[in-house]
Amino acid sequence: MRYMLLICGDEKAQAQAPQAEMAAVVQGHRRFAEELQASGKMVHGERLRPDSEASRIRIKAGQRQVMDGPFAETKEALGGFYLIECATKEEAVEWAKKIPLREGGYIDVRPIWPM
């Protein structure tokens, strides 16, 4: 089964973090991605651009509306993801626990509906 490991955190705090700290997190992600790749579990992964560069499409009064970001009502924003293939949710959670995070960040583990 495929799982999305959704990486969330505070974009403003991340922007203010010391450069050395962010470099260490990025390097940690490189190592994690290499480990995933070597295990055969990695399907795909990407870092996302900030909310301020995003758009959201909604239906309101039967019409599609496009809104520019930022649009979150919370401090947390989706910063990236890994798409992995695992036999069980427990295995996916174990992989998610290895993802480098800054204080206050979190990972959502979401199973994907098979097509």
Protein backbone atom coordinates (compact mmCIF):
# COMPACT_ATOMS: atom_id res chain seq x y z
CA MET A 1 0.00 0.00 0.00
CA ARG A 2 1.14 3.55 -0.66
CA TYR A 3 1.36 6.20 2.05
CA MET A 4 1.91 9.95 1.91
CA LEU A 5 4.19 11.27 4.62
CA LEU A 6 3.15 14.94 4.77
CA ILE A 7 5.73 17.22 6.37
CA CYS A 8 4.23 20.26 8.11
CA GLY A 9 5.69 23.12 10.09
CA ASP A 10 5.70 26.85 10.75
CA GLU A 11 6.97 28.63 7.61
CA LYS A 12 7.68 31.92 9.43
CA ALA A 13 9.73 30.20 12.13
CA GLN A 14 11.60 28.26 9.48
CA ALA A 15 12.43 31.46 7.59
CA GLN A 16 13.89 32.93 10.80
CA ALA A 17 15.87 29.81 11.76
CA PRO A 18 19.66 30.00 11.68
CA GLN A 19 21.09 29.03 8.31
CA ALA A 20 23.22 26.28 9.85
CA GLU A 21 20.15 24.71 11.46
CA MET A 22 18.23 24.68 8.17
CA ALA A 23 21.26 23.28 6.33
CA ALA A 24 21.37 20.42 8.85
CA VAL A 25 17.66 19.68 8.32
CA VAL A 26 18.10 19.68 4.52
CA GLN A 27 21.10 17.35 4.83
CA GLY A 28 19.02 15.10 7.11
CA HIS A 29 16.35 14.90 4.42
CA ARG A 30 18.97 13.94 1.83
CA ARG A 31 20.17 11.10 4.06
CA PHE A 32 16.59 10.01 4.78
CA ALA A 33 15.71 10.00 1.06
CA GLU A 34 18.84 7.96 0.29
CA GLU A 35 17.88 5.44 2.98
CA LEU A 36 14.32 5.22 1.62
CA GLN A 37 15.65 4.78 -1.92
CA ALA A 38 18.08 2.05 -0.85
CA SER A 39 15.28 0.18 0.94
CA GLY A 40 13.07 0.20 -2.16
CA LYS A 41 10.29 1.99 -0.26
CA MET A 42 10.60 5.40 -1.96
CA VAL A 43 8.11 6.21 -4.71
CA HIS A 44 8.64 9.99 -4.81
CA GLY A 45 9.33 12.99 -2.58
CA GLU A 46 9.53 16.75 -2.99
CA ARG A 47 9.97 19.94 -1.00
CA LEU A 48 7.18 22.44 -1.67
CA ARG A 49 7.48 26.16 -2.29
CA PRO A 50 5.94 28.41 0.43
CA ASP A 51 2.20 29.04 0.88
CA SER A 52 2.69 32.59 -0.41
CA GLU A 53 3.37 31.13 -3.88
CA ALA A 54 0.37 28.78 -3.80
CA SER A 55 -3.19 29.04 -5.11
CA ARG A 56 -6.38 27.40 -3.93
CA ILE A 57 -9.45 26.69 -6.08
CA ARG A 58 -12.83 26.61 -4.34
CA ILE A 59 -16.42 26.25 -5.39
CA LYS A 60 -18.58 29.07 -4.03
CA ALA A 61 -22.13 29.71 -5.22
CA GLY A 62 -21.52 27.14 -7.97
CA GLN A 63 -18.53 29.05 -9.36
CA ARG A 64 -14.85 28.17 -9.22
CA GLN A 65 -12.82 30.78 -7.43
CA VAL A 66 -9.04 30.99 -7.43
CA MET A 67 -7.42 32.45 -4.33
CA ASP A 68 -3.76 33.24 -3.85
CA GLY A 69 -1.88 32.05 -0.78
CA PRO A 70 -1.19 32.32 2.01
CA PHE A 71 -4.54 30.87 2.89
CA ALA A 72 -4.00 28.76 6.00
CA GLU A 73 -5.77 29.82 9.18
CA THR A 74 -3.01 28.14 11.16
CA LYS A 75 0.75 28.66 11.49
CA GLU A 76 1.47 25.22 10.09
CA ALA A 77 1.91 24.75 6.37
CA LEU A 78 2.61 21.75 4.19
CA GLY A 79 6.30 21.93 3.37
CA GLY A 80 6.91 18.70 1.51
CA PHE A 81 6.08 15.04 1.21
CA TYR A 82 7.36 11.55 0.65
CA LEU A 83 5.27 8.98 -1.19
CA ILE A 84 6.29 5.52 0.00
CA GLU A 85 5.26 1.91 -0.52
CA CYS A 86 4.89 -0.15 2.69
CA ALA A 87 3.24 -3.40 3.67
CA THR A 88 1.53 -1.90 6.74
CA LYS A 89 0.64 1.43 8.31
CA GLU A 90 2.95 0.57 11.19
CA GLU A 91 5.86 0.29 8.76
CA ALA A 92 4.96 3.67 7.24
CA VAL A 93 4.83 5.23 10.72
CA GLU A 94 8.28 3.82 11.51
CA TRP A 95 9.67 5.48 8.36
CA ALA A 96 7.87 8.76 9.22
CA LYS A 97 9.53 8.79 12.66
CA LYS A 98 12.91 9.05 10.91
CA ILE A 99 12.08 12.26 9.00
CA PRO A 100 14.09 15.28 10.21
CA LEU A 101 11.85 17.87 11.89
CA ARG A 102 12.27 21.22 13.57
CA GLU A 103 10.63 21.85 16.94
CA GLY A 104 6.85 22.21 16.47
CA GLY A 105 6.82 20.42 13.11
CA TYR A 106 4.89 17.23 12.49
CA ILE A 107 4.33 14.44 9.98
CA ASP A 108 0.92 13.19 8.86
CA VAL A 109 0.90 9.58 7.63
CA ARG A 110 -1.94 9.15 5.14
CA PRO A 111 -2.82 5.92 3.34
CA ILE A 112 -3.72 6.36 -0.31
CA TRP A 113 -6.81 4.85 -1.92
CA PRO A 114 -5.79 2.29 -4.52
CA MET A 115 -6.76 3.19 -8.07
